[in-house]
Amino acid sequence: MEKGVQRWVVDISKWEPTPHDFFSALSLLPQHDHTSITRFLKMEDRKRALVSRLLQYTLVREVTGIPHGEINIKRTLEGKPYLDCDKVGLEFPNFNFNVSHHGDYVAIASEPLCLVGLDIVSHMIPQIETIPEFIQNFSSYFSNLEWDNIMNGGSNDEILIEFYRYFCTYIFSLGSAGISIFP
């Protein structure tokens, strides 16, 4: 793979950190990143946020060679992370990266030239509502043709697969611009 092009995925399903282990890992990050992780009430959300931030710093250090303490990651108005540094310009004229997490997975991707977008969705079967009720919540995001293709996908399982196919494409295109449809 070209230098600067990275794709990493972490399965956090088996990681059950003690409070001490969690806060030890959190201490590896700059203080200004702590509240963006600890603001979550559920430990599963905190784990995803922590691993996401750790991956960002690790990827930047691995690709650019910038020492951990000198890495300055900021966010666009839309929330997409970026490296605030003039040192990578010559070797990586448009170095950028993006992270995503859902369910048991946290992923990161980087590119030295092209704009990178990344969004992952775990294939989850709704527990509280039926599959048609669940996907109806997202109908406004799709064109009539897309919605017809989703709803005519076959069985409920096939409809859900078709929904995720369209949904992932949709959020990927927004993610590359740093736009999220989720708060």
N, C-alpha and C. Protein backbone atom coordinates (compact mmCIF):
# COMPACT_ATOMS: atom_id res chain seq x y z
N MET A 1 0.84 -1.18 0.00
CA MET A 1 0.00 0.00 0.00
C MET A 1 0.88 1.25 0.00
N GLU A 2 0.46 2.27 -0.69
CA GLU A 2 1.20 3.52 -0.76
C GLU A 2 1.41 4.10 0.64
N LYS A 3 2.57 4.71 0.85
CA LYS A 3 2.86 5.30 2.15
C LYS A 3 1.82 6.40 2.43
N GLY A 4 1.29 6.38 3.61
CA GLY A 4 0.26 7.35 3.97
C GLY A 4 -1.14 6.79 3.85
N VAL A 5 -1.29 5.70 3.10
CA VAL A 5 -2.60 5.05 2.96
C VAL A 5 -2.70 3.97 4.03
N GLN A 6 -3.62 4.15 4.93
CA GLN A 6 -3.79 3.18 6.02
C GLN A 6 -5.28 2.86 6.18
N ARG A 7 -5.57 1.63 6.58
CA ARG A 7 -6.92 1.17 6.89
C ARG A 7 -6.82 0.25 8.10
N TRP A 8 -7.37 0.67 9.21
CA TRP A 8 -7.32 -0.14 10.43
C TRP A 8 -8.72 -0.30 11.00
N VAL A 9 -9.00 -1.48 11.52
CA VAL A 9 -10.27 -1.76 12.20
C VAL A 9 -9.96 -2.48 13.50
N VAL A 10 -10.61 -2.05 14.58
CA VAL A 10 -10.43 -2.67 15.88
C VAL A 10 -11.78 -3.21 16.36
N ASP A 11 -11.79 -4.46 16.78
CA ASP A 11 -12.97 -5.08 17.38
C ASP A 11 -12.84 -4.91 18.89
N ILE A 12 -13.72 -4.13 19.49
CA ILE A 12 -13.62 -3.85 20.93
C ILE A 12 -14.56 -4.73 21.76
N SER A 13 -15.19 -5.71 21.13
CA SER A 13 -16.22 -6.50 21.81
C SER A 13 -15.70 -7.25 23.03
N LYS A 14 -14.45 -7.66 23.00
CA LYS A 14 -13.92 -8.45 24.12
C LYS A 14 -13.13 -7.61 25.12
N TRP A 15 -12.98 -6.32 24.85
CA TRP A 15 -12.23 -5.46 25.76
C TRP A 15 -13.15 -4.95 26.86
N GLU A 16 -12.92 -5.41 28.06
CA GLU A 16 -13.69 -5.01 29.23
C GLU A 16 -12.72 -4.40 30.25
N PRO A 17 -12.34 -3.15 30.04
CA PRO A 17 -11.33 -2.56 30.92
C PRO A 17 -11.86 -2.28 32.32
N THR A 18 -11.01 -2.45 33.31
CA THR A 18 -11.35 -2.01 34.66
C THR A 18 -11.33 -0.48 34.63
N PRO A 19 -11.93 0.18 35.61
CA PRO A 19 -11.84 1.65 35.65
C PRO A 19 -10.39 2.13 35.62
N HIS A 20 -9.50 1.43 36.33
CA HIS A 20 -8.08 1.81 36.34
C HIS A 20 -7.48 1.71 34.95
N ASP A 21 -7.75 0.60 34.23
CA ASP A 21 -7.21 0.41 32.89
C ASP A 21 -7.77 1.45 31.92
N PHE A 22 -9.06 1.75 32.05
CA PHE A 22 -9.68 2.73 31.16
C PHE A 22 -9.02 4.10 31.34
N PHE A 23 -8.88 4.53 32.59
CA PHE A 23 -8.30 5.85 32.83
C PHE A 23 -6.79 5.89 32.56
N SER A 24 -6.13 4.74 32.65
CA SER A 24 -4.72 4.68 32.24
C SER A 24 -4.60 4.92 30.74
N ALA A 25 -5.48 4.30 29.96
CA ALA A 25 -5.47 4.51 28.51
C ALA A 25 -5.86 5.95 28.19
N LEU A 26 -6.83 6.49 28.90
CA LEU A 26 -7.26 7.87 28.69
C LEU A 26 -6.12 8.85 28.95
N SER A 27 -5.27 8.53 29.93
CA SER A 27 -4.17 9.42 30.29
C SER A 27 -3.11 9.55 29.19
N LEU A 28 -3.15 8.65 28.20
CA LEU A 28 -2.22 8.73 27.06
C LEU A 28 -2.59 9.86 26.11
N LEU A 29 -3.80 10.38 26.25
CA LEU A 29 -4.28 11.44 25.35
C LEU A 29 -4.13 12.81 25.99
N PRO A 30 -4.04 13.85 25.17
CA PRO A 30 -4.00 15.21 25.72
C PRO A 30 -5.26 15.50 26.54
N GLN A 31 -5.12 16.33 27.53
CA GLN A 31 -6.22 16.65 28.45
C GLN A 31 -7.46 17.15 27.70
N HIS A 32 -7.26 17.93 26.62
CA HIS A 32 -8.42 18.49 25.92
C HIS A 32 -9.28 17.43 25.23
N ASP A 33 -8.77 16.21 25.07
CA ASP A 33 -9.56 15.13 24.49
C ASP A 33 -10.39 14.37 25.54
N HIS A 34 -10.10 14.53 26.79
CA HIS A 34 -10.74 13.74 27.83
C HIS A 34 -12.25 13.95 27.90
N THR A 35 -12.71 15.20 27.85
CA THR A 35 -14.16 15.44 28.01
C THR A 35 -14.96 14.89 26.84
N SER A 36 -14.35 14.84 25.64
CA SER A 36 -15.08 14.28 24.50
C SER A 36 -15.29 12.78 24.65
N ILE A 37 -14.59 12.16 25.56
CA ILE A 37 -14.72 10.72 25.83
C ILE A 37 -15.57 10.49 27.07
N THR A 38 -15.29 11.21 28.13
CA THR A 38 -15.99 10.97 29.40
C THR A 38 -17.39 11.57 29.44
N ARG A 39 -17.77 12.35 28.42
CA ARG A 39 -19.12 12.93 28.39
C ARG A 39 -20.18 11.86 28.18
N PHE A 40 -19.76 10.71 27.64
CA PHE A 40 -20.71 9.63 27.40
C PHE A 40 -21.06 8.93 28.71
N LEU A 41 -22.31 8.57 28.85
CA LEU A 41 -22.76 7.90 30.08
C LEU A 41 -22.47 6.40 30.04
N LYS A 42 -22.69 5.78 28.89
CA LYS A 42 -22.51 4.33 28.77
C LYS A 42 -21.05 4.00 28.50
N MET A 43 -20.57 2.97 29.17
CA MET A 43 -19.18 2.53 28.99
C MET A 43 -18.90 2.11 27.55
N GLU A 44 -19.87 1.50 26.87
CA GLU A 44 -19.65 1.09 25.48
C GLU A 44 -19.35 2.31 24.59
N ASP A 45 -20.06 3.41 24.82
CA ASP A 45 -19.81 4.64 24.06
C ASP A 45 -18.46 5.24 24.42
N ARG A 46 -18.10 5.18 25.68
CA ARG A 46 -16.79 5.69 26.12
C ARG A 46 -15.66 4.88 25.50
N LYS A 47 -15.83 3.56 25.44
CA LYS A 47 -14.81 2.70 24.84
C LYS A 47 -14.60 3.05 23.38
N ARG A 48 -15.69 3.20 22.63
CA ARG A 48 -15.57 3.54 21.21
C ARG A 48 -14.87 4.88 21.04
N ALA A 49 -15.25 5.87 21.85
CA ALA A 49 -14.64 7.20 21.74
C ALA A 49 -13.15 7.15 22.09
N LEU A 50 -12.80 6.42 23.13
CA LEU A 50 -11.40 6.31 23.54
C LEU A 50 -10.55 5.62 22.47
N VAL A 51 -11.03 4.50 21.97
CA VAL A 51 -10.27 3.79 20.94
C VAL A 51 -10.16 4.65 19.68
N SER A 52 -11.21 5.38 19.34
CA SER A 52 -11.17 6.28 18.20
C SER A 52 -10.05 7.31 18.34
N ARG A 53 -9.97 7.94 19.49
CA ARG A 53 -8.92 8.96 19.70
C ARG A 53 -7.54 8.34 19.73
N LEU A 54 -7.40 7.18 20.38
CA LEU A 54 -6.10 6.51 20.41
C LEU A 54 -5.64 6.13 19.00
N LEU A 55 -6.57 5.66 18.18
CA LEU A 55 -6.22 5.31 16.80
C LEU A 55 -5.76 6.54 16.02
N GLN A 56 -6.39 7.68 16.23
CA GLN A 56 -6.01 8.89 15.52
C GLN A 56 -4.56 9.28 15.82
N TYR A 57 -4.22 9.32 17.09
CA TYR A 57 -2.86 9.70 17.46
C TYR A 57 -1.84 8.66 16.99
N THR A 58 -2.20 7.39 17.09
CA THR A 58 -1.29 6.33 16.67
C THR A 58 -1.06 6.37 15.16
N LEU A 59 -2.13 6.54 14.40
CA LEU A 59 -2.00 6.61 12.95
C LEU A 59 -1.14 7.79 12.53
N VAL A 60 -1.39 8.95 13.10
CA VAL A 60 -0.60 10.14 12.73
C VAL A 60 0.88 9.92 13.04
N ARG A 61 1.17 9.35 14.22
CA ARG A 61 2.57 9.09 14.58
C ARG A 61 3.20 8.07 13.64
N GLU A 62 2.47 6.99 13.33
CA GLU A 62 3.01 5.94 12.46
C GLU A 62 3.27 6.45 11.05
N VAL A 63 2.35 7.23 10.50
CA VAL A 63 2.47 7.69 9.11
C VAL A 63 3.46 8.84 8.97
N THR A 64 3.38 9.81 9.87
CA THR A 64 4.18 11.03 9.70
C THR A 64 5.48 11.04 10.48
N GLY A 65 5.57 10.22 11.52
CA GLY A 65 6.75 10.24 12.37
C GLY A 65 6.76 11.37 13.38
N ILE A 66 5.70 12.14 13.45
CA ILE A 66 5.62 13.23 14.43
C ILE A 66 5.51 12.61 15.83
N PRO A 67 6.34 13.04 16.77
CA PRO A 67 6.26 12.49 18.13
C PRO A 67 4.88 12.75 18.75
N HIS A 68 4.44 11.80 19.55
CA HIS A 68 3.10 11.84 20.15
C HIS A 68 2.79 13.19 20.80
N GLY A 69 3.71 13.72 21.56
CA GLY A 69 3.48 14.97 22.27
C GLY A 69 3.38 16.20 21.38
N GLU A 70 3.78 16.07 20.12
CA GLU A 70 3.72 17.20 19.19
C GLU A 70 2.53 17.13 18.22
N ILE A 71 1.76 16.07 18.31
CA ILE A 71 0.61 15.90 17.42
C ILE A 71 -0.51 16.82 17.89
N ASN A 72 -1.04 17.59 16.94
CA ASN A 72 -2.14 18.51 17.25
C ASN A 72 -3.31 18.18 16.33
N ILE A 73 -4.30 17.46 16.85
CA ILE A 73 -5.47 17.09 16.08
C ILE A 73 -6.60 18.05 16.43
N LYS A 74 -7.15 18.65 15.39
CA LYS A 74 -8.29 19.55 15.56
C LYS A 74 -9.48 18.97 14.82
N ARG A 75 -10.59 19.68 14.85
CA ARG A 75 -11.81 19.23 14.19
C ARG A 75 -12.37 20.36 13.32
N THR A 76 -12.92 19.95 12.17
CA THR A 76 -13.62 20.92 11.34
C THR A 76 -14.92 21.30 12.03
N LEU A 77 -15.61 22.29 11.50
CA LEU A 77 -16.92 22.67 12.07
C LEU A 77 -17.89 21.49 12.06
N GLU A 78 -17.73 20.60 11.08
CA GLU A 78 -18.61 19.43 11.00
C GLU A 78 -18.14 18.28 11.89
N GLY A 79 -16.96 18.42 12.50
CA GLY A 79 -16.47 17.40 13.42
C GLY A 79 -15.45 16.43 12.85
N LYS A 80 -15.05 16.59 11.59
CA LYS A 80 -14.05 15.69 11.02
C LYS A 80 -12.68 16.05 11.58
N PRO A 81 -11.94 15.05 12.06
CA PRO A 81 -10.61 15.34 12.62
C PRO A 81 -9.60 15.65 11.51
N TYR A 82 -8.63 16.51 11.86
CA TYR A 82 -7.54 16.77 10.93
C TYR A 82 -6.28 17.11 11.72
N LEU A 83 -5.14 16.88 11.08
CA LEU A 83 -3.86 17.16 11.68
C LEU A 83 -3.50 18.61 11.41
N ASP A 84 -3.27 19.37 12.46
CA ASP A 84 -2.86 20.77 12.33
C ASP A 84 -1.33 20.80 12.42
N CYS A 85 -0.69 20.76 11.24
CA CYS A 85 0.77 20.67 11.21
C CYS A 85 1.29 21.02 9.83
N ASP A 86 2.35 21.82 9.78
CA ASP A 86 2.96 22.18 8.50
C ASP A 86 4.04 21.19 8.08
N LYS A 87 4.44 20.29 8.98
CA LYS A 87 5.56 19.39 8.71
C LYS A 87 5.28 18.32 7.67
N VAL A 88 4.02 17.96 7.44
CA VAL A 88 3.72 16.85 6.55
C VAL A 88 3.46 17.29 5.12
N GLY A 89 3.45 18.58 4.84
CA GLY A 89 3.07 19.12 3.54
C GLY A 89 3.85 18.61 2.35
N LEU A 90 5.17 18.46 2.48
CA LEU A 90 5.96 18.05 1.33
C LEU A 90 5.77 16.58 0.99
N GLU A 91 5.81 15.74 2.00
CA GLU A 91 5.67 14.30 1.74
C GLU A 91 4.23 13.89 1.50
N PHE A 92 3.30 14.52 2.22
CA PHE A 92 1.87 14.21 2.11
C PHE A 92 1.10 15.52 1.91
N PRO A 93 0.98 16.00 0.68
CA PRO A 93 0.41 17.32 0.44
C PRO A 93 -1.04 17.50 0.91
N ASN A 94 -1.79 16.41 1.03
CA ASN A 94 -3.17 16.53 1.50
C ASN A 94 -3.48 15.43 2.51
N PHE A 95 -2.53 15.18 3.42
CA PHE A 95 -2.75 14.11 4.40
C PHE A 95 -4.02 14.38 5.18
N ASN A 96 -4.91 13.39 5.18
CA ASN A 96 -6.14 13.49 5.95
C ASN A 96 -6.56 12.10 6.37
N PHE A 97 -7.42 12.06 7.37
CA PHE A 97 -7.88 10.79 7.89
C PHE A 97 -9.31 10.96 8.40
N ASN A 98 -9.95 9.83 8.61
CA ASN A 98 -11.29 9.85 9.15
C ASN A 98 -11.49 8.61 9.99
N VAL A 99 -12.36 8.73 10.97
CA VAL A 99 -12.65 7.62 11.88
C VAL A 99 -14.15 7.39 11.91
N SER A 100 -14.51 6.18 12.28
CA SER A 100 -15.92 5.84 12.42
C SER A 100 -16.03 4.71 13.43
N HIS A 101 -17.14 4.66 14.11
CA HIS A 101 -17.37 3.55 15.03
C HIS A 101 -18.86 3.27 15.14
N HIS A 102 -19.15 2.00 15.29
CA HIS A 102 -20.53 1.56 15.48
C HIS A 102 -20.47 0.13 16.00
N GLY A 103 -21.33 -0.16 16.95
CA GLY A 103 -21.36 -1.51 17.50
C GLY A 103 -20.01 -1.87 18.11
N ASP A 104 -19.47 -3.00 17.69
CA ASP A 104 -18.21 -3.50 18.25
C ASP A 104 -16.97 -3.00 17.52
N TYR A 105 -17.13 -2.14 16.53
CA TYR A 105 -15.98 -1.80 15.69
C TYR A 105 -15.66 -0.30 15.70
N VAL A 106 -14.35 -0.05 15.66
CA VAL A 106 -13.82 1.31 15.49
C VAL A 106 -12.84 1.21 14.33
N ALA A 107 -12.96 2.12 13.37
CA ALA A 107 -12.11 2.06 12.18
C ALA A 107 -11.52 3.43 11.89
N ILE A 108 -10.38 3.41 11.22
CA ILE A 108 -9.72 4.64 10.80
C ILE A 108 -9.11 4.39 9.42
N ALA A 109 -9.12 5.44 8.60
CA ALA A 109 -8.52 5.37 7.27
C ALA A 109 -7.79 6.68 7.01
N SER A 110 -6.67 6.61 6.28
CA SER A 110 -5.93 7.83 5.92
C SER A 110 -5.54 7.79 4.46
N GLU A 111 -5.32 8.99 3.92
CA GLU A 111 -4.90 9.17 2.54
C GLU A 111 -3.90 10.33 2.48
N PRO A 112 -2.85 10.19 1.66
CA PRO A 112 -1.89 11.29 1.53
C PRO A 112 -2.33 12.36 0.53
N LEU A 113 -3.20 12.01 -0.41
CA LEU A 113 -3.60 12.94 -1.46
C LEU A 113 -5.12 13.12 -1.55
N CYS A 114 -5.85 12.02 -1.61
CA CYS A 114 -7.30 12.05 -1.84
C CYS A 114 -8.05 12.31 -0.53
N LEU A 115 -9.21 12.91 -0.65
CA LEU A 115 -10.07 13.11 0.50
C LEU A 115 -10.62 11.76 0.92
N VAL A 116 -10.51 11.43 2.20
CA VAL A 116 -10.96 10.13 2.68
C VAL A 116 -12.21 10.30 3.54
N GLY A 117 -13.16 9.43 3.29
CA GLY A 117 -14.37 9.37 4.11
C GLY A 117 -14.51 7.95 4.63
N LEU A 118 -15.06 7.81 5.79
CA LEU A 118 -15.21 6.49 6.38
C LEU A 118 -16.42 6.48 7.29
N ASP A 119 -17.28 5.55 7.09
CA ASP A 119 -18.38 5.30 8.00
C ASP A 119 -18.65 3.82 8.00
N ILE A 120 -18.73 3.25 9.19
CA ILE A 120 -19.05 1.84 9.30
C ILE A 120 -20.36 1.70 10.05
N VAL A 121 -21.09 0.68 9.68
CA VAL A 121 -22.35 0.37 10.35
C VAL A 121 -22.35 -1.13 10.62
N SER A 122 -22.56 -1.48 11.86
CA SER A 122 -22.68 -2.90 12.21
C SER A 122 -24.07 -3.37 11.81
N HIS A 123 -24.12 -4.50 11.16
CA HIS A 123 -25.41 -5.07 10.76
C HIS A 123 -26.11 -5.58 12.00
N MET A 124 -27.10 -4.81 12.44
CA MET A 124 -27.81 -5.15 13.66
C MET A 124 -29.30 -5.30 13.35
N ILE A 125 -29.90 -6.33 13.89
CA ILE A 125 -31.33 -6.53 13.71
C ILE A 125 -32.04 -5.80 14.84
N PRO A 126 -32.99 -4.91 14.49
CA PRO A 126 -33.70 -4.16 15.53
C PRO A 126 -34.40 -5.08 16.52
N GLN A 127 -34.34 -4.72 17.79
CA GLN A 127 -34.93 -5.55 18.83
C GLN A 127 -36.30 -5.05 19.29
N ILE A 128 -36.51 -3.74 19.27
CA ILE A 128 -37.73 -3.16 19.82
C ILE A 128 -38.83 -3.03 18.77
N GLU A 129 -38.44 -2.78 17.53
CA GLU A 129 -39.41 -2.58 16.47
C GLU A 129 -39.14 -3.54 15.33
N THR A 130 -40.11 -3.67 14.43
CA THR A 130 -39.91 -4.53 13.28
C THR A 130 -38.91 -3.88 12.33
N ILE A 131 -38.39 -4.65 11.40
CA ILE A 131 -37.44 -4.11 10.43
C ILE A 131 -38.08 -2.98 9.62
N PRO A 132 -39.29 -3.15 9.07
CA PRO A 132 -39.91 -2.02 8.35
C PRO A 132 -40.11 -0.78 9.22
N GLU A 133 -40.48 -0.96 10.48
CA GLU A 133 -40.65 0.19 11.38
C GLU A 133 -39.30 0.88 11.62
N PHE A 134 -38.26 0.10 11.80
CA PHE A 134 -36.93 0.64 12.04
C PHE A 134 -36.45 1.48 10.86
N ILE A 135 -36.50 0.92 9.66
CA ILE A 135 -35.95 1.65 8.51
C ILE A 135 -36.84 2.81 8.09
N GLN A 136 -38.11 2.80 8.46
CA GLN A 136 -39.00 3.92 8.15
C GLN A 136 -38.47 5.22 8.75
N ASN A 137 -37.75 5.12 9.88
CA ASN A 137 -37.16 6.30 10.51
C ASN A 137 -36.18 7.04 9.60
N PHE A 138 -35.67 6.36 8.58
CA PHE A 138 -34.64 6.93 7.72
C PHE A 138 -35.15 7.25 6.31
N SER A 139 -36.43 7.10 6.08
CA SER A 139 -36.98 7.24 4.73
C SER A 139 -36.70 8.61 4.11
N SER A 140 -36.64 9.64 4.90
CA SER A 140 -36.44 10.99 4.36
C SER A 140 -35.04 11.20 3.78
N TYR A 141 -34.11 10.31 4.05
CA TYR A 141 -32.75 10.45 3.54
C TYR A 141 -32.58 9.89 2.13
N PHE A 142 -33.58 9.18 1.63
CA PHE A 142 -33.45 8.50 0.36
C PHE A 142 -34.38 9.08 -0.70
N SER A 143 -33.96 8.94 -1.96
CA SER A 143 -34.85 9.33 -3.07
C SER A 143 -35.97 8.29 -3.17
N ASN A 144 -36.98 8.60 -3.95
CA ASN A 144 -38.10 7.66 -4.14
C ASN A 144 -37.60 6.35 -4.76
N LEU A 145 -36.71 6.47 -5.73
CA LEU A 145 -36.17 5.27 -6.38
C LEU A 145 -35.39 4.42 -5.38
N GLU A 146 -34.53 5.05 -4.58
CA GLU A 146 -33.75 4.31 -3.58
C GLU A 146 -34.69 3.64 -2.58
N TRP A 147 -35.68 4.38 -2.13
CA TRP A 147 -36.62 3.83 -1.14
C TRP A 147 -37.39 2.64 -1.71
N ASP A 148 -37.81 2.75 -2.97
CA ASP A 148 -38.51 1.63 -3.61
C ASP A 148 -37.60 0.41 -3.71
N ASN A 149 -36.33 0.63 -4.06
CA ASN A 149 -35.38 -0.49 -4.14
C ASN A 149 -35.19 -1.15 -2.77
N ILE A 150 -35.15 -0.35 -1.73
CA ILE A 150 -35.00 -0.89 -0.38
C ILE A 150 -36.23 -1.70 0.01
N MET A 151 -37.39 -1.09 -0.14
CA MET A 151 -38.64 -1.72 0.32
C MET A 151 -39.02 -2.94 -0.51
N ASN A 152 -38.52 -3.03 -1.73
CA ASN A 152 -38.81 -4.19 -2.59
C ASN A 152 -37.65 -5.18 -2.60
N GLY A 153 -36.86 -5.16 -1.53
CA GLY A 153 -35.67 -6.01 -1.45
C GLY A 153 -35.95 -7.48 -1.24
N GLY A 154 -37.19 -7.84 -0.88
CA GLY A 154 -37.52 -9.24 -0.65
C GLY A 154 -37.97 -9.46 0.78
N SER A 155 -37.38 -10.45 1.43
CA SER A 155 -37.73 -10.75 2.83
C SER A 155 -37.27 -9.61 3.73
N ASN A 156 -37.70 -9.62 4.98
CA ASN A 156 -37.26 -8.59 5.92
C ASN A 156 -35.75 -8.53 6.05
N ASP A 157 -35.10 -9.69 6.08
CA ASP A 157 -33.63 -9.71 6.16
C ASP A 157 -33.00 -9.09 4.93
N GLU A 158 -33.55 -9.39 3.74
CA GLU A 158 -33.02 -8.82 2.50
C GLU A 158 -33.28 -7.31 2.44
N ILE A 159 -34.44 -6.87 2.96
CA ILE A 159 -34.74 -5.44 3.02
C ILE A 159 -33.73 -4.73 3.92
N LEU A 160 -33.41 -5.34 5.04
CA LEU A 160 -32.45 -4.74 5.96
C LEU A 160 -31.06 -4.65 5.32
N ILE A 161 -30.66 -5.68 4.62
CA ILE A 161 -29.37 -5.67 3.93
C ILE A 161 -29.35 -4.57 2.87
N GLU A 162 -30.42 -4.47 2.10
CA GLU A 162 -30.51 -3.42 1.07
C GLU A 162 -30.49 -2.03 1.71
N PHE A 163 -31.18 -1.87 2.84
CA PHE A 163 -31.17 -0.60 3.57
C PHE A 163 -29.75 -0.23 3.99
N TYR A 164 -29.04 -1.18 4.59
CA TYR A 164 -27.67 -0.89 5.02
C TYR A 164 -26.77 -0.57 3.84
N ARG A 165 -26.97 -1.21 2.70
CA ARG A 165 -26.17 -0.93 1.52
C ARG A 165 -26.34 0.53 1.09
N TYR A 166 -27.56 0.98 1.00
CA TYR A 166 -27.82 2.38 0.63
C TYR A 166 -27.37 3.34 1.73
N PHE A 167 -27.67 2.97 2.96
CA PHE A 167 -27.36 3.85 4.08
C PHE A 167 -25.85 4.06 4.21
N CYS A 168 -25.09 2.99 4.07
CA CYS A 168 -23.62 3.11 4.17
C CYS A 168 -23.08 3.99 3.05
N THR A 169 -23.60 3.84 1.86
CA THR A 169 -23.16 4.69 0.75
C THR A 169 -23.47 6.15 1.03
N TYR A 170 -24.66 6.39 1.56
CA TYR A 170 -25.09 7.75 1.87
C TYR A 170 -24.21 8.39 2.94
N ILE A 171 -24.01 7.69 4.06
CA ILE A 171 -23.22 8.29 5.12
C ILE A 171 -21.73 8.35 4.77
N PHE A 172 -21.28 7.45 3.88
CA PHE A 172 -19.89 7.53 3.42
C PHE A 172 -19.66 8.81 2.64
N SER A 173 -20.58 9.14 1.74
CA SER A 173 -20.39 10.34 0.93
C SER A 173 -20.42 11.59 1.79
N LEU A 174 -21.23 11.61 2.82
CA LEU A 174 -21.24 12.74 3.75
C LEU A 174 -20.00 12.73 4.63
N GLY A 175 -19.59 11.55 5.06
CA GLY A 175 -18.44 11.42 5.96
C GLY A 175 -17.15 11.93 5.36
N SER A 176 -16.99 11.77 4.05
CA SER A 176 -15.75 12.26 3.42
C SER A 176 -15.65 13.77 3.51
N ALA A 177 -16.80 14.43 3.63
CA ALA A 177 -16.82 15.89 3.80
C ALA A 177 -16.85 16.27 5.27
N GLY A 178 -16.88 15.28 6.15
CA GLY A 178 -16.90 15.56 7.58
C GLY A 178 -18.28 15.88 8.10
N ILE A 179 -19.31 15.55 7.35
CA ILE A 179 -20.68 15.83 7.75
C ILE A 179 -21.30 14.57 8.32
N SER A 180 -21.98 14.71 9.45
CA SER A 180 -22.66 13.58 10.06
C SER A 180 -24.15 13.89 10.17
N ILE A 181 -24.97 12.87 9.94
CA ILE A 181 -26.41 13.08 10.12
C ILE A 181 -26.82 12.79 11.54
N PHE A 182 -25.87 12.32 12.33
CA PHE A 182 -26.15 12.01 13.73
C PHE A 182 -25.57 13.10 14.62
N PRO A 183 -26.28 13.44 15.72
CA PRO A 183 -25.75 14.46 16.63
C PRO A 183 -24.50 14.01 17.34
